[in-house]
Protein backbone atom coordinates (compact mmCIF):
# COMPACT_ATOMS: atom_id res chain seq x y z
CA MET A 1 80.72 191.15 185.95
CA GLY A 2 77.77 192.12 183.77
CA CYS A 3 78.15 193.73 180.39
CA THR A 4 75.89 195.71 178.10
CA GLN A 5 74.37 193.73 175.26
CA LEU A 6 75.53 195.35 172.05
CA PRO A 7 73.70 195.16 168.70
CA GLN A 8 75.43 192.71 166.39
CA ARG A 9 73.72 193.12 163.05
CA GLU A 10 75.43 194.91 160.22
CA GLN A 11 73.23 196.38 157.53
CA ASP A 12 72.64 199.21 155.10
CA THR A 13 69.96 201.34 156.75
CA HIS A 14 69.96 203.46 153.63
CA PRO A 15 70.85 202.16 150.16
CA ASN A 16 74.00 204.28 150.13
CA SER A 17 75.08 203.90 153.77
CA GLU A 18 77.22 201.47 155.70
CA ASP A 19 75.84 202.24 159.14
CA VAL A 20 76.08 199.80 162.02
CA GLY A 21 73.06 199.00 164.17
CA VAL A 22 70.15 196.70 164.77
CA SER A 23 68.61 195.69 161.46
CA PRO A 24 64.90 196.29 160.87
CA PHE A 25 64.92 193.17 158.69
CA SER A 26 64.22 189.67 159.95
CA ILE A 27 66.87 188.41 157.52
CA PRO A 28 69.67 191.01 157.17
CA VAL A 29 72.02 191.13 154.20
CA ALA A 30 75.07 190.64 156.44
CA GLU A 31 75.70 189.92 160.10
CA PRO A 32 79.00 189.48 161.95
CA ASP A 33 79.60 186.34 163.99
CA ILE A 34 80.88 187.72 167.30
CA GLY A 35 80.92 185.60 170.44
CA ARG A 36 82.67 184.84 173.71
CA GLU A 37 86.15 184.57 172.24
CA GLU A 38 85.99 188.12 170.88
CA LEU A 39 84.62 189.46 174.16
CA LYS A 40 87.37 187.68 176.11
CA ASN A 41 90.12 189.20 173.95
CA VAL A 42 88.67 192.70 174.10
CA GLN A 43 88.27 192.49 177.86
CA GLU A 44 91.90 191.40 178.12
CA ALA A 45 92.98 194.42 176.07
CA VAL A 46 90.90 196.75 178.21
CA ARG A 47 92.25 195.32 181.45
CA SER A 48 95.84 195.63 180.19
CA GLY A 49 95.42 199.36 179.66
CA TRP A 50 96.71 199.09 176.09
CA VAL A 51 93.61 200.36 174.29
CA SER A 52 95.11 202.63 171.62
CA SER A 53 97.62 201.93 168.87
CA LYS A 54 100.15 200.03 170.95
CA GLY A 55 99.71 196.63 172.57
CA PRO A 56 100.48 192.97 171.94
CA PHE A 57 97.36 192.14 169.92
CA ILE A 58 98.40 194.44 167.05
CA GLY A 59 101.65 192.67 166.19
CA ALA A 60 100.06 189.28 166.74
CA PHE A 61 97.21 190.12 164.39
CA GLU A 62 99.57 191.48 161.73
CA GLU A 63 101.74 188.37 161.90
CA GLY A 64 98.84 185.93 162.10
CA PHE A 65 96.87 187.39 159.20
CA ALA A 66 99.95 187.72 156.98
CA ASP A 67 100.80 184.08 157.69
CA TYR A 68 97.24 182.99 156.88
CA ILE A 69 97.29 184.73 153.49
CA GLY A 70 100.87 183.75 152.66
CA ALA A 71 102.65 187.11 152.86
CA ARG A 72 105.71 187.96 154.94
CA HIS A 73 104.65 191.27 156.48
CA GLY A 74 101.41 192.81 157.74
CA VAL A 75 100.74 196.48 158.45
CA ALA A 76 97.46 196.99 160.30
CA THR A 77 95.52 200.16 159.49
CA SER A 78 92.43 202.05 160.53
CA SER A 79 90.31 200.97 157.52
CA GLY A 80 90.40 199.29 154.14
CA THR A 81 90.39 202.70 152.48
CA THR A 82 93.39 203.96 154.44
CA SER A 83 95.22 200.74 153.58
CA LEU A 84 94.73 201.50 149.87
CA HIS A 85 95.93 205.07 150.31
CA LEU A 86 98.92 203.92 152.35
CA ALA A 87 99.87 201.28 149.77
CA LEU A 88 99.73 203.68 146.83
CA ARG A 89 101.70 206.32 148.73
CA ALA A 90 104.39 203.80 149.68
CA LEU A 91 104.69 202.78 146.02
CA GLY A 92 105.33 206.39 145.02
CA ILE A 93 102.06 207.09 143.20
CA GLY A 94 101.48 210.81 142.99
CA LYS A 95 100.20 213.79 141.05
CA GLY A 96 99.85 213.21 137.33
CA ASP A 97 100.10 209.43 137.51
CA LYS A 98 97.36 207.15 136.21
CA VAL A 99 96.08 204.07 138.01
CA LEU A 100 93.87 201.40 136.45
CA VAL A 101 90.86 200.55 138.63
CA PRO A 102 87.71 198.56 137.90
CA SER A 103 84.57 200.49 137.08
CA LEU A 104 82.41 198.12 139.12
CA THR A 105 83.58 198.37 142.72
CA PHE A 106 83.06 200.47 145.83
CA ALA A 107 84.21 204.07 145.33
CA ALA A 108 86.97 203.79 147.96
CA THR A 109 89.21 202.15 145.36
CA ALA A 110 89.12 205.23 143.14
CA ASN A 111 89.10 207.65 146.07
CA ALA A 112 92.47 206.39 147.28
CA VAL A 113 93.92 207.24 143.86
CA LEU A 114 92.41 210.72 143.92
CA TYR A 115 93.74 211.43 147.43
CA LEU A 116 97.22 211.39 145.90
CA GLY A 117 96.41 213.66 142.98
CA ALA A 118 96.59 210.72 140.58
CA GLU A 119 93.96 209.86 137.96
CA PRO A 120 91.77 206.74 138.05
CA VAL A 121 91.32 205.00 134.69
CA PHE A 122 88.23 202.82 134.75
CA VAL A 123 88.41 199.28 133.40
CA ASP A 124 85.38 197.32 132.25
CA SER A 125 84.23 194.08 133.91
CA HIS A 126 84.66 190.54 132.66
CA PRO A 127 81.22 189.24 131.62
CA GLN A 128 81.71 185.81 133.20
CA TYR A 129 83.12 186.56 136.65
CA TRP A 130 82.47 190.33 137.00
CA CYS A 131 85.99 191.46 138.06
CA MET A 132 88.41 193.66 136.10
CA ASP A 133 88.72 192.32 132.53
CA PRO A 134 92.43 191.74 131.72
CA SER A 135 91.75 191.95 128.00
CA LYS A 136 90.72 195.61 128.37
CA LEU A 137 93.91 196.78 130.12
CA GLU A 138 96.37 197.24 127.25
CA SER A 139 94.25 199.82 125.40
CA LEU A 140 94.04 202.01 128.50
CA ILE A 141 97.76 202.17 129.28
CA ASP A 142 99.96 205.12 128.34
CA ASN A 143 103.22 206.63 129.56
CA ARG A 144 101.54 208.10 132.66
CA THR A 145 100.12 204.76 133.83
CA LYS A 146 102.00 203.62 136.92
CA ALA A 147 99.83 201.07 138.72
CA MET A 148 96.64 199.03 138.77
CA ILE A 149 94.27 197.93 141.50
CA PRO A 150 92.46 194.67 140.69
CA VAL A 151 89.48 194.15 143.03
CA HIS A 152 88.36 190.64 143.93
CA LEU A 153 84.70 191.60 143.66
CA TYR A 154 82.09 190.07 145.98
CA GLY A 155 84.57 187.37 146.98
CA HIS A 156 85.56 186.10 143.50
CA PRO A 157 89.25 186.33 142.50
CA CYS A 158 90.50 188.27 139.51
CA ASP A 159 92.47 186.45 136.82
CA MET A 160 95.79 187.34 138.41
CA LYS A 161 98.02 185.55 135.89
CA ALA A 162 96.67 187.64 133.03
CA ILE A 163 96.77 190.84 135.10
CA LEU A 164 100.34 190.27 136.27
CA ARG A 165 101.46 189.60 132.71
CA VAL A 166 100.23 193.05 131.65
CA ALA A 167 101.77 194.63 134.74
CA ARG A 168 105.13 193.01 134.03
CA ASP A 169 105.10 194.03 130.37
CA HIS A 170 104.40 197.68 131.26
CA ARG A 171 106.31 197.83 134.57
CA LEU A 172 103.20 198.65 136.57
CA LYS A 173 102.81 198.29 140.32
CA VAL A 174 99.95 196.03 141.45
CA VAL A 175 97.87 196.69 144.56
CA GLU A 176 95.35 193.91 145.19
CA ASP A 177 92.10 195.15 146.73
CA CYS A 178 91.03 192.14 148.79
CA ALA A 179 88.46 193.96 150.94
CA GLU A 180 85.76 191.44 149.98
CA ALA A 181 87.81 188.32 149.51
CA HIS A 182 89.56 187.10 152.69
CA GLY A 183 90.55 183.50 152.01
CA ALA A 184 89.53 183.39 148.34
CA GLU A 185 91.95 181.46 146.15
CA TYR A 186 93.34 181.83 142.65
CA LYS A 187 94.80 178.59 141.30
CA GLY A 188 95.31 177.25 144.82
CA ARG A 189 96.92 180.39 146.31
CA LYS A 190 95.10 182.87 148.49
CA VAL A 191 94.46 186.27 146.97
CA GLY A 192 96.59 188.91 148.61
CA CYS A 193 99.96 187.34 147.85
CA PHE A 194 100.19 188.22 144.13
CA GLY A 195 100.65 191.99 144.00
CA ASP A 196 103.34 194.30 145.32
CA ILE A 197 100.94 195.11 148.17
CA SER A 198 97.48 193.79 149.03
CA CYS A 199 94.83 195.60 151.04
CA PHE A 200 92.10 194.16 153.25
CA SER A 201 89.13 195.63 155.07
CA PHE A 202 87.81 194.43 158.41
CA TYR A 203 84.63 196.48 158.39
CA GLY A 204 81.67 194.95 160.23
CA ASN A 205 80.17 193.23 157.19
CA LYS A 206 83.39 191.65 155.93
CA ILE A 207 84.43 187.97 156.22
CA ILE A 208 86.19 188.77 159.50
CA THR A 209 85.83 192.07 161.32
CA THR A 210 87.55 194.40 163.73
CA GLY A 211 84.60 196.85 163.58
CA GLU A 212 86.58 199.25 161.45
CA GLY A 213 90.12 198.48 160.38
CA GLY A 214 92.23 197.20 157.54
CA MET A 215 95.63 195.77 156.68
CA CYS A 216 98.32 196.02 154.03
CA LEU A 217 100.26 192.85 153.25
CA THR A 218 103.52 192.58 151.36
CA SER A 219 106.50 190.28 151.10
CA ASP A 220 108.82 193.24 150.50
CA ARG A 221 110.56 194.15 153.77
CA ASP A 222 111.40 197.69 152.66
CA LEU A 223 107.83 198.42 151.59
CA ALA A 224 106.52 197.11 154.91
CA ALA A 225 108.94 199.34 156.82
CA LYS A 226 107.98 202.36 154.74
CA MET A 227 104.26 201.77 155.30
CA LYS A 228 104.77 201.49 159.06
CA VAL A 229 106.53 204.85 159.14
CA LEU A 230 103.88 206.52 156.97
CA ARG A 231 101.09 204.95 159.03
CA ASP A 232 102.50 206.53 162.22
CA HIS A 233 102.76 210.23 161.23
CA GLY A 234 106.07 209.66 159.42
CA VAL A 235 107.94 209.41 162.74
CA SER A 236 111.44 207.96 162.47
CA PRO A 237 111.67 204.49 164.06
CA ALA A 238 115.16 205.39 165.30
CA LYS A 239 114.49 208.86 166.75
CA ALA A 240 111.39 209.66 168.79
CA TYR A 241 109.28 212.61 167.60
CA TRP A 242 111.54 213.09 164.57
CA HIS A 243 109.56 213.23 161.32
CA GLU A 244 111.45 212.28 158.18
CA GLU A 245 108.38 212.92 155.98
CA VAL A 246 104.70 213.80 156.18
CA GLY A 247 102.76 210.76 157.25
CA PHE A 248 99.28 209.82 158.43
CA ASN A 249 97.54 208.56 161.54
CA TYR A 250 96.27 205.31 160.03
CA ARG A 251 96.86 203.09 163.05
CA MET A 252 94.67 200.24 164.27
CA THR A 253 93.93 200.07 167.99
CA ASN A 254 94.82 197.19 170.27
CA LEU A 255 91.09 196.79 170.99
CA GLN A 256 90.37 196.25 167.29
CA ALA A 257 93.29 193.85 166.90
CA ALA A 258 92.04 191.87 169.91
CA LEU A 259 88.70 191.41 168.15
CA GLY A 260 90.53 190.55 164.93
CA MET A 261 92.64 187.82 166.55
CA ALA A 262 89.50 186.02 167.76
CA GLN A 263 87.92 186.40 164.33
CA LEU A 264 91.03 185.10 162.58
CA ALA A 265 90.88 181.95 164.69
CA LYS A 266 87.39 181.34 163.27
CA ILE A 267 88.07 182.16 159.64
CA LYS A 268 88.20 178.59 158.28
CA GLY A 269 84.83 177.82 159.82
CA LEU A 270 83.35 181.09 158.61
CA LEU A 271 84.47 180.42 155.04
CA LYS A 272 83.08 176.89 155.16
CA ARG A 273 79.71 178.24 156.25
CA LYS A 274 79.76 180.96 153.57
CA ARG A 275 80.29 178.35 150.88
CA ARG A 276 77.51 176.26 152.39
CA VAL A 277 75.13 179.22 152.17
CA ALA A 278 76.13 179.63 148.52
CA SER A 279 75.41 175.95 147.83
CA TRP A 280 71.94 176.30 149.39
CA TYR A 281 71.13 179.25 147.14
CA ARG A 282 72.49 177.45 144.10
CA SER A 283 70.40 174.33 144.66
CA ARG A 284 67.20 176.36 145.20
CA LEU A 285 67.61 178.97 142.47
CA GLU A 286 69.56 177.33 139.65
CA ARG A 287 66.43 176.48 137.67
CA VAL A 288 64.77 179.88 138.02
CA LYS A 289 64.46 181.52 134.61
CA GLY A 290 65.87 185.00 134.38
CA LEU A 291 68.33 184.62 137.26
CA SER A 292 72.07 184.28 136.65
CA LEU A 293 73.74 182.97 139.77
CA HIS A 294 77.03 183.96 141.40
CA PRO A 295 79.87 182.59 139.23
CA GLU A 296 82.87 180.54 140.25
CA MET A 297 85.48 179.98 137.56
CA PRO A 298 87.39 176.64 137.41
CA TRP A 299 90.57 178.40 138.52
CA ALA A 300 88.94 180.11 141.48
CA SER A 301 87.70 179.38 144.97
CA CYS A 302 85.13 182.08 145.71
CA VAL A 303 84.31 183.04 149.30
CA TYR A 304 80.91 184.53 148.36
CA TRP A 305 81.30 187.59 150.57
CA MET A 306 77.92 188.59 149.14
CA TYR A 307 76.04 185.85 147.31
CA SER A 308 74.89 187.69 144.21
CA VAL A 309 72.55 187.22 141.26
CA LEU A 310 71.71 189.01 138.03
CA VAL A 311 68.03 189.64 137.26
CA GLU A 312 66.88 189.68 133.64
CA SER A 313 63.46 191.31 133.90
CA LYS A 314 62.06 190.01 130.60
CA THR A 315 62.49 186.37 131.51
CA PHE A 316 62.33 186.66 135.30
CA GLY A 317 59.04 188.56 135.36
CA ILE A 318 60.04 191.69 137.31
CA GLY A 319 63.09 193.90 137.40
CA ARG A 320 65.90 193.96 139.93
CA ASP A 321 64.67 197.06 141.77
CA ALA A 322 61.15 195.65 142.11
CA LEU A 323 62.61 192.43 143.49
CA VAL A 324 64.70 194.34 146.07
CA ALA A 325 61.60 196.29 147.15
CA GLY A 326 59.40 193.20 147.27
CA LEU A 327 61.84 191.29 149.44
CA ALA A 328 62.20 194.28 151.77
CA GLU A 329 58.44 194.27 152.30
CA ARG A 330 58.78 190.66 153.40
CA GLY A 331 61.52 191.45 155.92
CA ILE A 332 64.42 190.36 153.71
CA GLU A 333 67.28 192.78 153.20
CA THR A 334 69.13 192.79 149.89
CA ARG A 335 71.07 195.44 148.04
CA ARG A 336 71.77 196.42 144.46
CA PHE A 337 75.22 196.14 142.89
CA PHE A 338 77.60 199.07 143.08
CA TYR A 339 77.09 201.85 140.55
CA PRO A 340 79.90 202.07 137.98
CA ILE A 341 82.15 204.62 139.65
CA GLU A 342 82.52 206.88 136.63
CA THR A 343 78.74 207.37 136.36
CA MET A 344 78.65 209.30 139.67
CA PRO A 345 79.23 213.07 139.87
CA PRO A 346 82.75 213.24 141.39
CA TYR A 347 84.18 210.85 138.81
CA ARG A 348 82.39 211.64 135.54
CA LYS A 349 85.27 213.67 134.16
CA PHE A 350 87.34 210.45 134.11
CA SER A 351 84.78 208.48 132.08
CA HIS A 352 85.84 207.19 128.69
CA GLY A 353 82.54 205.46 127.86
CA ARG A 354 83.96 201.95 127.46
CA THR A 355 82.51 200.17 130.50
CA THR A 356 79.44 198.59 128.94
CA ILE A 357 79.69 195.27 130.83
CA ALA A 358 80.08 197.04 134.18
CA ARG A 359 76.94 199.07 133.46
CA TYR A 360 75.04 195.98 132.37
CA LEU A 361 75.97 194.17 135.59
CA SER A 362 75.23 197.19 137.76
CA GLU A 363 71.71 197.52 136.36
CA ARG A 364 70.85 193.86 137.01
CA GLY A 365 72.95 192.72 139.97
CA MET A 366 71.86 192.32 143.57
CA ASN A 367 73.33 190.85 146.76
CA LEU A 368 71.24 188.37 148.73
CA PRO A 369 71.51 187.80 152.50
CA SER A 370 74.94 186.23 152.89
CA GLY A 371 75.99 186.09 156.53
CA ALA A 372 77.80 183.04 157.81
CA LYS A 373 75.16 182.69 160.53
CA LEU A 374 72.36 182.00 158.03
CA ASP A 375 70.70 178.61 158.29
CA SER A 376 69.06 176.51 155.60
CA ALA A 377 65.57 177.61 156.63
CA SER A 378 66.43 181.29 156.16
CA VAL A 379 67.99 180.68 152.74
CA GLY A 380 64.92 178.62 151.87
CA LYS A 381 62.63 181.52 152.82
CA VAL A 382 64.64 184.01 150.75
CA SER A 383 64.59 181.65 147.77
CA ARG A 384 60.84 180.94 148.04
CA GLU A 385 60.02 184.64 148.19
CA ILE A 386 62.19 185.32 145.13
CA ILE A 387 60.33 182.65 143.19
CA LEU A 388 56.91 183.89 144.37
CA LEU A 389 57.72 187.47 143.39
CA ALA A 390 58.83 186.31 139.94
CA LYS A 391 55.47 184.61 139.45
CA GLY A 392 53.63 187.77 140.44
């Protein structure tokens, strides 16, 4: 039986978009690795008739991914953003509460807080590894602070020991945002098993993908049960069509889970190739003046979701934005770092002006092509063009 050839490249067709389609770049910034195994699983789901939010692939994916990370329970969702919202709601975060979130991350982290009527409090970045700086937490906590959301940015783990110490001292709930860090490790343990709940995204440019989709992980049986009820409109598990509370339709489909199961089977190989891509960049760019390369702390195993660099224009020769534009002209897709969330219009009223490191990183940081399918020749081309543009 023939099938339609679908576009496989994942790219930002506009600097602020996350659209899916065929990339106009010869070397895209990210590209999913989807093959026969994924097609076989999806065809099986289609043939079974279970194409919506029930079917055997969903439970298998929840169990398999939770086991891979080291958590006891998985709750599959429709996206990484809905997983964050679901987690915070299950933990009782609501109107008037404050939640600590990093300044330098994708806006979904703060949006999930705002959906509940709570207030995001923006935490500055650590200058060495770019994630939430634990040393800045204490000064931002007051009697309305109820939780924090450390984000393992661009695949590098947060310092979870320091973060959990603050959380314990102030009785704060911890939701790990692992959207960009599937398989990353902190002191030998995978991120996603440290907080009360962890949240993952399976968007098309993530380490593994279900197209759209996400998952909450927890080792708390009661929290898992609560999230499953909330995820499914708040329907009682014991009485059909009986709603104990207002819930959401945040369910993953069996089709998505079928894709996810095939991707999960590949994850060790994908991570190995991601680290190999990072090593190729490091060997080619480590002596380039004005470039600071993607960090990896001694206590971390980074998955390099996006291999990233900082551009110091005075020593490099040109600025970050000029480098992004120059590479685009040569068919190489890159993207700038996230804007600090509190600098954008919907969030400015929450700014406290103490995120200087996040702003410094945002002005200089860029993501290089980072897909697991990249070969040495492609990384070599990207690196050569970076060096040539620096020389003018």
